[in-house]
Protein backbone atom coordinates (compact mmCIF):
# COMPACT_ATOMS: atom_id res chain seq x y z
CA MET A 1 0.51 3.10 -20.52
CA ARG A 2 0.25 6.15 -18.55
CA TRP A 3 -2.07 8.33 -17.68
CA ALA A 4 -2.30 11.83 -16.30
CA VAL A 5 -4.97 12.70 -13.62
CA ALA A 6 -5.85 15.93 -12.40
CA GLU A 7 -7.96 16.81 -9.65
CA SER A 8 -11.24 18.96 -11.03
CA GLY A 9 -11.85 20.63 -7.56
CA ASP A 10 -15.49 19.06 -7.35
CA GLY A 11 -14.11 15.63 -6.29
CA GLY A 12 -13.75 14.38 -9.83
CA ALA A 13 -10.92 14.31 -12.12
CA TYR A 14 -9.56 14.68 -15.61
CA LEU A 15 -7.55 12.39 -17.12
CA CYS A 16 -5.92 11.26 -20.52
CA PRO A 17 -3.70 8.39 -21.70
CA LEU A 18 -0.08 9.53 -22.77
CA ASP A 19 2.15 8.63 -25.39
CA ALA A 20 6.07 7.84 -24.70
CA ALA A 21 6.85 11.63 -25.43
CA GLY A 22 4.19 12.34 -22.55
CA ARG A 23 1.92 14.05 -25.17
CA PRO A 24 -1.85 13.05 -24.89
CA ALA A 25 -2.69 9.95 -26.77
CA ALA A 26 -6.55 10.51 -26.40
CA GLU A 27 -9.48 12.86 -25.82
CA VAL A 28 -9.32 14.03 -22.17
CA ILE A 29 -12.25 12.60 -20.03
CA TYR A 30 -14.24 13.65 -17.06
CA GLU A 31 -15.19 11.31 -13.97
CA PRO A 32 -17.09 12.38 -11.35
CA SER A 33 -15.31 10.69 -8.81
CA LEU A 34 -11.19 10.56 -8.51
CA ALA A 35 -11.36 7.58 -6.67
CA GLU A 36 -13.13 5.97 -9.25
CA ALA A 37 -11.54 6.75 -12.11
CA VAL A 38 -8.39 5.37 -10.51
CA ARG A 39 -9.94 2.11 -9.17
CA THR A 40 -11.81 1.15 -12.59
CA ARG A 41 -8.39 1.52 -14.72
CA PRO A 42 -6.29 -1.20 -13.03
CA GLU A 43 -4.41 -1.45 -16.36
CA VAL A 44 -2.49 1.98 -15.99
CA GLU A 45 0.85 1.10 -15.34
CA ARG A 46 1.90 4.39 -14.33
CA TRP A 47 -0.33 7.72 -12.81
CA VAL A 48 1.12 10.73 -13.43
CA TRP A 49 0.18 13.38 -11.09
CA ARG A 50 1.46 16.81 -9.87
CA SER A 51 2.23 15.68 -6.43
CA THR A 52 1.70 12.63 -4.56
CA PRO A 53 1.14 14.21 -0.94
CA GLU A 54 -1.73 15.88 -2.49
CA VAL A 55 -3.26 13.63 -4.94
CA TYR A 56 -2.50 9.88 -3.50
CA ARG A 57 -3.77 10.96 0.25
CA SER A 58 -7.34 11.12 -0.94
CA LEU A 59 -7.20 8.21 -2.84
CA LEU A 60 -5.53 6.26 0.29
CA ALA A 61 -8.75 7.61 2.12
CA ALA A 62 -11.23 6.34 -0.24
CA GLY A 63 -9.46 2.98 -0.24
CA VAL A 64 -7.50 3.15 -3.30
CA ARG A 65 -4.00 2.19 -3.98
CA VAL A 66 -1.62 2.64 -6.84
CA GLU A 67 1.12 0.63 -7.77
CA ARG A 68 3.14 3.03 -9.94
CA CYS A 69 3.41 6.79 -10.32
CA TYR A 70 5.05 9.76 -11.88
CA ASP A 71 5.26 12.39 -9.27
CA VAL A 72 5.91 15.91 -11.27
CA GLN A 73 6.91 17.81 -8.27
CA ALA A 74 9.44 15.45 -7.32
CA ALA A 75 10.54 14.79 -10.74
CA GLU A 76 11.11 18.67 -10.99
CA ALA A 77 13.44 18.92 -7.79
CA LEU A 78 15.81 16.38 -9.35
CA LEU A 79 15.82 17.89 -12.55
CA ILE A 80 16.61 21.55 -11.79
CA GLY A 81 19.25 20.27 -9.51
CA TYR A 82 20.73 18.25 -12.18
CA GLU A 83 20.16 21.48 -14.46
CA GLU A 84 20.99 24.35 -12.36
CA GLY A 85 22.92 22.86 -9.59
CA GLN A 86 20.22 24.46 -7.19
CA SER A 87 18.65 22.68 -3.95
CA GLY A 88 15.31 24.15 -2.69
CA GLN A 89 14.16 25.54 -5.40
CA PRO A 90 10.48 25.87 -5.99
CA ARG A 91 9.20 22.60 -7.63
CA SER A 92 5.50 22.66 -7.61
CA LEU A 93 3.59 22.01 -10.71
CA ALA A 94 2.88 25.89 -11.20
CA ALA A 95 6.80 26.45 -10.77
CA ALA A 96 7.51 23.85 -13.28
CA TRP A 97 4.76 25.55 -15.66
CA ALA A 98 6.18 29.31 -15.18
CA ARG A 99 9.76 27.65 -16.44
CA LEU A 100 8.58 26.12 -19.34
CA HIS A 101 6.98 29.27 -20.32
CA ASN A 102 9.70 31.95 -19.18
CA LEU A 103 7.54 33.44 -16.63
CA PRO A 104 8.16 34.60 -12.85
CA VAL A 105 8.68 31.19 -10.74
CA PRO A 106 6.47 31.32 -7.87
CA PRO A 107 7.51 30.09 -4.31
CA ASP A 108 6.46 26.95 -2.70
CA ALA A 109 3.70 26.94 -0.60
CA PRO A 110 4.76 27.55 3.23
CA ALA A 111 5.98 23.98 4.94
CA ARG A 112 2.96 23.24 7.49
CA ALA A 113 4.17 23.43 11.30
CA ALA A 114 5.95 20.31 12.75
CA GLU A 115 3.59 20.05 15.44
CA VAL A 116 0.36 20.01 13.65
CA GLN A 117 -0.75 16.59 13.26
CA PRO A 118 -0.65 15.73 9.12
CA SER A 119 -4.41 16.03 8.94
CA LEU A 120 -4.78 19.20 10.05
CA PHE A 121 -4.41 22.60 8.41
CA GLU A 122 -3.27 21.39 5.39
CA SER A 123 -2.15 24.16 2.47
CA GLY A 124 -3.41 23.86 -0.86
CA PRO A 125 -1.60 23.67 -4.41
CA VAL A 126 0.53 26.73 -5.36
CA PRO A 127 -1.83 27.88 -8.11
CA LEU A 128 -1.50 28.32 -11.64
CA PRO A 129 -1.94 31.57 -13.39
CA PRO A 130 -5.73 32.41 -14.38
CA GLY A 131 -7.63 30.54 -17.07
CA THR A 132 -4.58 27.93 -17.26
CA ASP A 133 -6.26 24.49 -16.72
CA GLU A 134 -4.39 22.12 -14.22
CA LEU A 135 -4.57 18.98 -16.67
CA THR A 136 -3.12 21.01 -19.91
CA ALA A 137 0.00 22.24 -17.51
CA LEU A 138 0.42 19.00 -16.00
CA VAL A 139 0.49 17.22 -19.32
CA ALA A 140 3.15 19.92 -20.85
CA VAL A 141 5.04 19.84 -17.59
CA TYR A 142 5.31 16.36 -18.11
CA ALA A 143 6.15 16.01 -21.48
CA GLY A 144 8.73 18.80 -20.79
CA GLN A 145 10.27 16.61 -18.28
CA VAL A 146 10.26 13.60 -20.29
CA ALA A 147 12.47 15.92 -22.82
CA ARG A 148 15.02 17.07 -20.17
CA THR A 149 15.16 13.46 -19.02
CA ALA A 150 16.75 12.38 -22.52
CA ALA A 151 18.99 15.11 -22.34
CA THR A 152 21.02 14.14 -19.28
CA GLU A 153 24.34 12.98 -19.71
CA TYR A 154 22.66 9.08 -18.30
CA PRO A 155 19.14 9.34 -19.30
CA GLU A 156 18.61 5.67 -18.01
CA ARG A 157 19.62 6.20 -14.69
CA MET A 158 17.63 9.23 -14.38
CA ARG A 159 14.73 7.62 -15.50
CA LEU A 160 15.43 5.42 -12.94
CA LEU A 161 15.95 7.57 -10.37
CA LEU A 162 12.83 9.78 -11.13
CA ALA A 163 10.93 6.53 -10.96
CA ALA A 164 12.70 5.64 -7.59
CA GLU A 165 11.80 8.69 -5.96
CA SER A 166 8.10 8.56 -7.08
CA ALA A 167 7.83 5.14 -5.71
CA GLY A 168 9.37 6.55 -2.54
CA MET A 169 6.31 9.10 -2.12
CA LEU A 170 3.84 6.46 -2.39
CA VAL A 171 5.35 4.45 0.20
CA ALA A 172 6.06 7.57 2.34
CA ALA A 173 1.99 8.40 1.99
CA GLU A 174 0.93 5.04 2.82
CA MET A 175 3.70 4.62 5.73
CA SER A 176 2.06 7.93 7.21
CA ARG A 177 -1.35 6.63 6.79
CA SER A 178 -0.81 2.87 8.37
CA GLY A 179 1.28 4.24 11.20
CA ILE A 180 3.78 2.57 13.25
CA PRO A 181 2.05 0.28 15.76
CA TRP A 182 2.17 1.46 19.10
CA ARG A 183 1.32 0.67 22.64
CA ALA A 184 0.72 4.02 24.77
CA ASP A 185 0.08 1.94 28.03
CA VAL A 186 3.54 0.57 27.73
CA HIS A 187 5.03 3.95 26.87
CA ARG A 188 3.60 5.37 29.70
CA GLU A 189 4.78 2.47 31.92
CA LEU A 190 8.36 3.26 30.70
CA LEU A 191 8.19 6.85 31.44
CA ASP A 192 6.96 6.20 34.85
CA THR A 193 9.67 3.97 35.59
CA MET A 194 12.31 6.11 34.32
CA LEU A 195 11.21 9.64 35.05
CA GLY A 196 8.91 8.94 38.00
CA GLY A 197 5.32 10.37 38.78
CA ARG A 198 4.62 13.90 36.78
CA PHE A 199 3.83 17.14 39.43
CA PRO A 200 1.23 18.85 38.58
CA GLY A 201 1.66 22.32 36.81
CA GLY A 202 3.99 21.19 34.28
CA SER A 203 6.65 20.84 36.87
CA GLN A 204 9.73 18.32 36.25
CA PRO A 205 9.13 15.03 36.78
CA ARG A 206 10.46 13.32 40.29
CA ARG A 207 13.62 11.72 39.16
CA MET A 208 14.44 14.78 37.09
CA ALA A 209 13.78 16.92 40.06
CA GLU A 210 15.87 14.50 42.50
CA LEU A 211 18.86 14.59 39.83
CA ALA A 212 18.96 18.44 39.78
CA ASP A 213 19.05 18.67 43.48
CA GLU A 214 22.21 16.10 43.50
CA VAL A 215 23.57 18.35 40.98
CA SER A 216 23.47 21.41 42.88
CA ARG A 217 24.51 19.53 46.31
CA ALA A 218 27.48 18.43 44.20
CA PHE A 219 28.55 21.93 43.65
CA GLY A 220 28.01 23.05 47.13
CA GLY A 221 28.00 26.80 48.55
CA GLY A 222 24.20 26.50 48.56
CA VAL A 223 23.63 27.96 44.89
CA ARG A 224 20.71 26.82 42.74
CA VAL A 225 22.55 24.98 39.24
CA ARG A 226 19.74 24.12 36.81
CA PRO A 227 21.21 21.46 34.55
CA ASP A 228 19.12 22.20 31.64
CA LEU A 229 20.99 25.27 31.32
CA PRO A 230 24.15 25.15 29.65
CA ASN A 231 25.20 28.33 31.31
CA ASP A 232 24.51 27.74 34.68
CA ILE A 233 26.81 24.48 34.48
CA VAL A 234 29.79 26.21 32.88
CA LYS A 235 29.65 28.70 35.79
CA ALA A 236 29.35 26.08 38.15
CA PHE A 237 31.79 24.44 37.27
CA ALA A 238 34.11 27.61 36.67
CA ARG A 239 33.44 28.16 40.19
CA ALA A 240 34.93 24.71 40.80
CA GLY A 241 38.04 25.77 39.12
CA ILE A 242 37.35 23.68 36.10
CA GLU A 243 37.22 25.32 32.56
CA LEU A 244 34.32 24.15 29.86
CA SER A 245 33.97 24.80 26.50
CA SER A 246 30.68 23.44 26.35
CA THR A 247 28.63 20.66 28.41
CA ARG A 248 28.60 18.10 25.76
CA LYS A 249 28.85 14.46 27.04
CA TRP A 250 32.20 13.54 25.71
CA GLU A 251 33.99 16.59 27.50
CA LEU A 252 31.89 16.10 30.52
CA GLN A 253 33.23 12.61 30.78
CA GLN A 254 36.69 13.70 31.28
CA ILE A 255 36.10 15.61 34.32
CA ASP A 256 36.68 13.95 37.65
CA HIS A 257 33.89 15.88 39.69
CA PRO A 258 30.79 14.39 41.77
CA ALA A 259 28.67 16.44 39.76
CA VAL A 260 29.22 14.63 36.56
CA ALA A 261 27.36 11.48 37.01
CA PRO A 262 23.97 12.76 38.32
CA LEU A 263 24.52 15.73 35.33
CA LEU A 264 24.57 13.20 32.88
CA ALA A 265 22.05 11.13 34.01
CA TYR A 266 19.53 14.29 33.90
CA LYS A 267 20.67 15.02 30.72
CA SER A 268 19.57 11.79 29.24
CA LEU A 269 16.33 11.68 31.00
CA TYR A 270 15.94 15.58 29.89
CA ARG A 271 15.76 14.23 26.23
CA LEU A 272 13.48 11.66 26.70
CA TYR A 273 11.08 13.97 28.62
CA THR A 274 11.13 16.86 26.36
CA ALA A 275 11.35 14.47 22.70
CA HIS A 276 9.55 11.31 23.66
CA GLY A 277 7.66 12.26 26.92
CA TRP A 278 3.74 12.50 27.58
CA SER A 279 3.13 15.46 25.86
CA TRP A 280 4.51 13.88 23.05
CA LEU A 281 2.47 10.53 23.47
CA GLU A 282 -0.43 12.53 23.89
CA GLN A 283 0.14 14.66 20.46
CA TRP A 284 1.40 11.85 18.49
CA VAL A 285 -0.08 8.31 19.32
CA HIS A 286 -3.74 7.79 18.91
CA GLY A 287 -5.45 4.95 18.23
CA GLY A 288 -2.47 2.68 18.96
CA ARG A 289 -0.47 3.86 15.93
CA PHE A 290 2.19 6.60 15.75
CA ARG A 291 1.52 8.53 12.37
CA PRO A 292 4.70 10.78 11.34
CA GLU A 293 5.14 12.80 7.89
CA TYR A 294 7.93 11.36 6.10
CA LEU A 295 9.73 13.50 3.73
CA PRO A 296 11.36 11.72 1.22
CA GLY A 297 14.35 12.98 -0.50
CA ALA A 298 14.57 16.08 1.87
CA THR A 299 18.15 16.64 2.17
CA VAL A 300 20.63 17.02 -0.99
CA SER A 301 21.73 13.56 -0.14
CA GLY A 302 18.15 11.78 -1.08
CA ARG A 303 17.92 10.36 2.77
CA TRP A 304 14.29 11.20 3.94
CA THR A 305 13.30 13.12 7.37
CA THR A 306 10.12 13.82 8.89
CA ASN A 307 8.09 16.81 9.60
CA GLY A 308 7.62 16.63 13.34
CA GLY A 309 7.51 13.72 15.75
CA GLY A 310 11.17 12.38 15.81
CA ALA A 311 10.26 9.50 13.98
CA LEU A 312 13.78 8.80 12.63
CA GLN A 313 15.17 9.47 16.63
CA ILE A 314 13.15 7.10 18.49
CA PRO A 315 15.20 6.26 21.44
CA LYS A 316 16.06 2.50 22.00
CA VAL A 317 14.38 2.84 25.74
CA ILE A 318 11.17 3.81 23.82
CA ARG A 319 11.19 1.13 21.06
CA ARG A 320 10.00 -1.24 23.49
CA ALA A 321 6.28 0.38 23.06
CA ILE A 322 6.54 -0.38 19.10
CA ARG A 323 4.60 -3.75 19.28
CA ALA A 324 2.95 -5.77 16.79
CA ASP A 325 -1.12 -6.29 16.70
CA PRO A 326 -2.11 -9.65 18.33
CA GLY A 327 -1.08 -12.45 15.94
CA TRP A 328 1.33 -10.16 13.68
CA CYS A 329 4.89 -9.49 13.89
CA LEU A 330 7.25 -6.94 13.13
CA VAL A 331 9.84 -8.07 10.41
CA VAL A 332 13.03 -5.76 11.04
CA ALA A 333 15.64 -5.75 8.44
CA ASP A 334 19.03 -3.95 8.68
CA ALA A 335 21.33 -3.29 5.61
CA ASP A 336 24.71 -5.09 6.57
CA GLN A 337 27.69 -2.33 5.98
CA MET A 338 25.56 -0.53 3.23
CA GLU A 339 27.49 2.20 2.37
CA PRO A 340 30.91 0.68 2.07
CA ARG A 341 29.11 -2.08 -0.22
CA VAL A 342 28.07 1.05 -2.21
CA LEU A 343 31.37 2.30 -2.65
CA ALA A 344 32.47 -0.97 -4.07
CA ALA A 345 29.72 -1.00 -6.63
CA VAL A 346 30.09 2.80 -7.57
CA SER A 347 34.19 2.78 -7.72
CA ARG A 348 34.05 -0.69 -9.46
CA ASP A 349 37.23 -1.36 -7.82
CA PRO A 350 37.80 -5.11 -8.46
CA GLY A 351 39.36 -6.15 -5.12
CA LEU A 352 36.79 -4.28 -3.28
CA MET A 353 33.91 -5.45 -5.31
CA GLU A 354 35.40 -9.20 -4.50
CA VAL A 355 35.14 -8.74 -0.80
CA ALA A 356 31.75 -7.05 -1.24
CA GLY A 357 30.42 -10.21 -2.93
CA ARG A 358 31.89 -12.70 -0.05
CA GLY A 359 30.15 -13.18 3.30
CA ALA A 360 27.95 -10.76 5.52
CA ASP A 361 30.20 -9.19 7.47
CA LEU A 362 32.22 -7.23 5.26
CA TYR A 363 35.06 -5.76 7.69
CA ALA A 364 35.84 -9.00 8.63
CA ASP A 365 36.55 -9.98 5.25
CA LEU A 366 38.25 -6.77 4.57
CA ALA A 367 40.17 -7.29 7.93
CA ALA A 368 41.13 -10.97 6.80
CA ARG A 369 43.02 -9.70 3.56
CA GLY A 370 45.20 -7.36 5.46
CA PHE A 371 45.03 -5.05 8.49
CA GLY A 372 46.92 -7.90 10.49
CA GLY A 373 43.12 -9.46 10.69
CA ASP A 374 42.00 -6.83 12.55
CA ARG A 375 38.40 -5.80 12.00
CA THR A 376 38.34 -2.46 14.04
CA GLN A 377 41.22 -1.01 12.26
CA ALA A 378 39.31 -2.42 8.87
CA LYS A 379 36.39 -0.62 9.66
CA LEU A 380 38.23 2.39 10.73
CA ALA A 381 40.21 2.89 7.00
CA LEU A 382 36.73 2.16 5.04
CA LEU A 383 34.90 4.96 7.11
CA GLY A 384 38.00 7.01 6.97
CA ALA A 385 38.04 6.86 3.36
CA VAL A 386 34.13 7.38 3.02
CA TYR A 387 33.77 10.47 5.84
CA GLY A 388 37.18 11.77 5.06
CA GLN A 389 39.07 11.10 8.50
CA THR A 390 42.39 11.80 7.64
CA SER A 391 44.00 12.58 11.35
CA GLY A 392 45.21 9.93 13.89
CA ASP A 393 44.82 6.29 13.63
CA ALA A 394 42.72 6.94 10.52
CA LEU A 395 45.10 8.42 8.20
CA THR A 396 47.62 5.00 8.93
CA HIS A 397 44.44 3.06 8.04
CA LEU A 398 43.52 4.90 5.12
CA ALA A 399 47.15 4.67 3.43
CA GLY A 400 46.85 0.91 3.93
CA LEU A 401 43.44 0.99 2.21
CA ARG A 402 44.61 3.23 -0.48
CA ARG A 403 47.30 0.42 -1.48
CA ARG A 404 44.93 -2.38 -1.20
CA TYR A 405 42.03 -0.60 -2.85
CA PRO A 406 43.46 1.96 -4.90
CA VAL A 407 40.23 2.52 -7.49
CA ALA A 408 37.68 2.94 -4.55
CA VAL A 409 39.98 5.56 -2.57
CA ALA A 410 40.63 7.44 -5.83
CA TYR A 411 36.80 7.68 -6.61
CA VAL A 412 36.21 9.45 -3.39
CA ASP A 413 38.93 11.35 -3.61
CA ASP A 414 37.78 12.65 -7.05
CA ALA A 415 34.62 13.54 -5.23
CA ALA A 416 36.28 15.39 -2.79
CA ARG A 417 38.53 17.58 -5.26
CA ALA A 418 35.33 18.28 -7.35
CA GLY A 419 33.52 19.32 -4.23
CA GLU A 420 36.62 21.75 -3.14
CA GLU A 421 36.78 22.92 -6.57
CA GLY A 422 33.09 24.30 -6.45
CA ARG A 423 32.20 21.57 -9.11
CA LEU A 424 28.93 19.65 -9.44
CA VAL A 425 28.99 16.30 -7.85
CA ARG A 426 26.11 13.65 -8.81
CA THR A 427 25.39 10.46 -7.27
CA TRP A 428 25.43 7.01 -9.44
CA LEU A 429 21.86 7.99 -10.83
CA GLY A 430 22.09 11.21 -11.46
CA ARG A 431 21.05 13.19 -7.99
CA THR A 432 23.20 16.19 -7.58
CA CYS A 433 25.29 18.17 -4.95
CA PRO A 434 24.95 21.99 -5.30
CA PRO A 435 28.15 23.69 -5.81
CA ALA A 436 30.21 25.59 -3.12
CA SER A 437 28.23 29.13 -3.76
CA VAL A 438 24.89 27.34 -2.59
CA VAL A 439 25.02 25.22 0.71
CA SER A 440 22.40 23.41 1.98
CA PRO A 441 21.38 22.88 5.65
CA ASP A 442 22.86 19.60 5.82
CA GLN A 443 25.98 20.52 3.82
CA ALA A 444 26.70 23.28 6.35
CA ASP A 445 25.80 20.92 9.57
CA LEU A 446 27.97 18.62 8.32
CA ALA A 447 30.70 20.97 7.56
CA GLY A 448 30.30 22.10 11.22
CA SER A 449 30.67 25.86 10.01
CA ASP A 450 28.12 28.75 9.84
CA SER A 451 30.44 30.85 8.17
CA GLY A 452 29.29 33.06 5.12
CA ASP A 453 32.59 33.04 3.73
CA HIS A 454 32.04 30.24 1.02
CA GLY A 455 35.05 30.85 -0.70
CA SER A 456 37.68 30.25 2.27
CA ALA A 457 39.75 27.60 2.13
CA ALA A 458 38.33 26.10 5.38
CA THR A 459 34.88 25.93 3.53
CA ALA A 460 36.06 24.54 0.47
CA ARG A 461 37.61 21.53 2.63
CA ALA A 462 34.62 20.99 4.38
CA ARG A 463 32.63 20.97 1.35
CA GLY A 464 35.29 18.46 -0.05
CA ARG A 465 34.37 16.06 2.87
CA PHE A 466 30.60 16.39 2.00
CA THR A 467 31.11 15.58 -1.51
CA ARG A 468 33.71 12.41 -0.50
CA ASN A 469 30.55 11.19 1.62
CA PHE A 470 27.71 12.37 -1.00
CA VAL A 471 28.76 9.95 -3.95
CA VAL A 472 28.47 6.95 -1.66
CA GLN A 473 25.48 7.94 0.67
CA GLY A 474 23.82 9.49 -1.72
CA SER A 475 24.05 6.48 -4.16
CA ALA A 476 23.09 4.55 -1.13
CA ALA A 477 20.06 6.42 -0.65
CA ASP A 478 18.94 5.85 -4.04
CA TRP A 479 19.65 2.18 -3.98
CA ALA A 480 17.29 1.80 -0.48
CA LEU A 481 14.57 3.66 -2.36
CA LEU A 482 14.86 0.97 -4.79
CA VAL A 483 14.76 -1.75 -2.25
CA LEU A 484 11.46 -0.16 -0.78
CA ALA A 485 9.99 0.13 -4.45
CA GLY A 486 10.91 -3.43 -4.93
CA LEU A 487 9.47 -5.08 -1.61
CA ARG A 488 6.16 -2.59 -1.54
CA SER A 489 5.60 -4.13 -5.41
CA ALA A 490 6.40 -7.89 -4.44
CA ILE A 491 4.06 -7.14 -1.20
CA PHE A 492 1.26 -5.53 -3.41
CA ARG A 493 1.48 -8.19 -5.81
CA ALA A 494 1.18 -10.67 -3.78
CA GLY A 495 -1.84 -9.72 -2.28
CA LEU A 496 -0.41 -9.75 1.20
CA ARG A 497 -1.35 -7.96 4.68
CA ALA A 498 1.91 -7.10 5.28
CA GLU A 499 2.40 -3.01 5.64
CA LEU A 500 5.61 -1.21 5.46
CA VAL A 501 5.48 0.92 8.64
CA PHE A 502 9.04 2.21 9.03
CA PHE A 503 12.16 3.47 6.65
CA GLN A 504 15.31 5.19 7.96
CA HIS A 505 18.22 4.99 5.93
CA ASP A 506 19.48 1.39 5.95
CA GLU A 507 16.39 -0.02 8.11
CA VAL A 508 12.87 -1.04 7.32
CA ILE A 509 10.27 -2.47 9.24
CA VAL A 510 7.38 -4.44 7.76
CA HIS A 511 4.07 -5.28 10.17
CA CYS A 512 2.44 -8.23 9.17
CA PRO A 513 0.71 -11.24 10.02
CA ALA A 514 2.94 -14.01 11.63
CA ALA A 515 2.25 -16.27 8.68
CA GLU A 516 3.43 -13.69 6.22
CA ALA A 517 6.71 -13.18 8.34
CA SER A 518 9.10 -15.64 6.07
CA ALA A 519 7.60 -14.49 2.76
CA VAL A 520 8.42 -11.06 3.90
CA ALA A 521 11.73 -11.66 4.77
CA ASP A 522 12.35 -13.43 1.47
CA MET A 523 11.14 -10.29 -0.28
CA ILE A 524 12.98 -8.12 1.36
CA ALA A 525 16.36 -9.96 0.35
CA THR A 526 14.70 -10.38 -3.18
CA ALA A 527 14.36 -6.66 -3.44
CA ALA A 528 17.63 -5.65 -2.00
CA ASP A 529 19.54 -8.27 -4.75
CA THR A 530 17.25 -6.53 -7.49
CA ALA A 531 17.77 -3.00 -6.54
CA GLY A 532 21.63 -3.69 -6.57
CA ARG A 533 21.55 -5.08 -10.34
CA LEU A 534 19.00 -1.93 -11.18
CA VAL A 535 21.10 0.57 -9.60
CA PHE A 536 24.65 -0.29 -10.37
CA GLY A 537 24.57 -3.11 -13.01
CA PRO A 538 26.26 -6.41 -12.97
CA THR A 539 28.85 -6.61 -10.35
CA PRO A 540 29.95 -9.23 -7.96
CA VAL A 541 28.75 -6.76 -4.99
CA ARG A 542 26.13 -8.26 -2.33
CA PHE A 543 23.67 -6.46 -0.32
CA PRO A 544 22.72 -8.67 2.79
CA PHE A 545 20.20 -7.69 5.41
CA THR A 546 20.23 -8.85 8.92
CA THR A 547 16.32 -9.37 9.50
CA ALA A 548 14.82 -10.05 12.80
CA VAL A 549 11.27 -11.32 13.07
CA VAL A 550 10.06 -10.02 16.51
CA GLU A 551 6.73 -8.94 18.10
CA CYS A 552 8.61 -6.05 20.25
CA TYR A 553 10.94 -3.75 18.00
CA GLY A 554 13.37 -3.61 21.17
CA ASP A 555 13.97 -7.22 20.76
CA ALA A 556 15.67 -6.57 17.22
CA GLU A 557 18.48 -5.24 18.47
C-alpha cells in the first residue's frame, strides 16, 4: 500500500493511505513526529511525498530510512517533459498544483550556490496558494500524475521510469549523507608532493611558480608570460612566429617549442590546484568524508550531476585519498561497454544482441565477427554509430557496421533524423529530449555551438547528433537507475552495513566491511541482470560489471 505524507510545519506530519488511483483510502491522520510516523509503519510499500531532498533528509537525520518512495517533484519533471517536450520547467508541488487548476505556474526556488555545503542556507519549498493544505495538494497532484502516466504511449515503461527516478533520489540523499571516505592527510601529502609548499598570501605553490618561470624563460626577451592567461600564451607564441587558435592541449602538443613542456605541466597542476587543492579540501572534506550534493536527472539524458565539489571529476591522482575505513573495503564496479550493450537491447538487432550476449569484452567479440579481427576498428565503428562520428576512418568503419548490424544502425539513424526534423525523441522508458526550439545547456554543449539560430542547418545537424546519442545514453542512464535501485534494495533487505557512496554514469562504489565484499559484488551483478530484464524485457544481452575490491580507490584502475 502507498501512503501520502506531508510535513505539518511543527515537526509533525499529516498522512493517509492511497488507493490504486491515488485517492485517499482512509481518513487523514496527524502524527506529532514525521520520523515516528514513518518509522512505525514498516508495512507501507511506498511513501508519496513532495520532494526527496526536502523530506528524506530530515528522516535520515533521525535515523529513519525507507525502502521506496514516489517523488512528486521528480515525476512532474518527467511527465511535463513527456507531455510538452520541455525540460527545465517548474516542477515543485506548487507548480504541479497550479497546472492542475490552470493557475499561473510559480517558478522553482533558486538553486543553492554551488560553493555552499548542502546543510547550509537551504531554501524552503515553493509555497502553495494561501489556504491550500499541503496534503490535499499532494494527493490531488499525485492522483493527477497517476492518470497522466496511464495516458502515455507505454504506461508500464513510464511507471518504471518514475519509480527508478524516485529510487535514484533516495540513493542520492543517502550517499550525500554517508559521504565518500576521504583521507585528508593523504590528500595533503599528494598536494605537497606535486605542487610543492604553499607560499603565504595566496601565492602560487612552489612547483607552479617554478614552471611559470620556465615558460617565461623559454620565450625569452625578458617578458613575463603568465601561463594561466590564454591571451598571454597566444601572444607569446605569436611573437615567436607561431599562430595558435587556442591553448588547448592537443594544439600545443603539435608545436615544437621549448615552452610547450613546462606549459603543459603547469596547466595540469593548475587544474589540480584550482579544482582539488588545499582550499577545496578545507571546504569539502570534514570528519573523514567528502559529502557532495548529487543531482539525479539533472541533464536531459538523465545523467547525474553534482552541485559543487566536482565529485564526478575527481582526478586519478587524487583518488589515492579515497580510502576505506579500517576493516572495511571499497567495492568498485564499472559497467562493461554499457552504451553499446544498451544499443543492442533497444534496437533489437539480432546480430548485435547475440554479440552483446557473449563474453565480457563486446568489442573483441565484435571484431571476431568482422573488422579483420581488429578490436580498435570495431570499437571505432560502434562508438561512431552512437556518437555520430561520420568522417575519416569512422565513416569507413561505420559502413562495415551498417552491413553487419543494419537494425542497430538504423535505430540511431532514425533518432538522428527525428532530432534534425525537430521531433520529440524518447528513451526506451520515455524520458524525453526537447524539440529543436528548446535547446538545453547539455545539448548546446554537445553541439559545440552557442548560436541562437535554432533553424539553421548546422544546428539541426548538431541536434541530430545529440538525439542519436540520446536514445542510447538516456536509456543507459535509465537502466543504471534500476541497477542502483536493485543494489540498494538488496543491501537494505539483507541488513548489511554496506553503503553506497559514489555513482557516476557507469560506475558505482560501495563502502562495506571486508566480510561483506563478496556478497556486495554478487548483488551488483544480480542488480545489473535484473535491471536489464526490467527495462528492456527478455533479450540475450548481458550487462556485466568489472568489479574490484580494494582499500584505496586509486588501486581499482
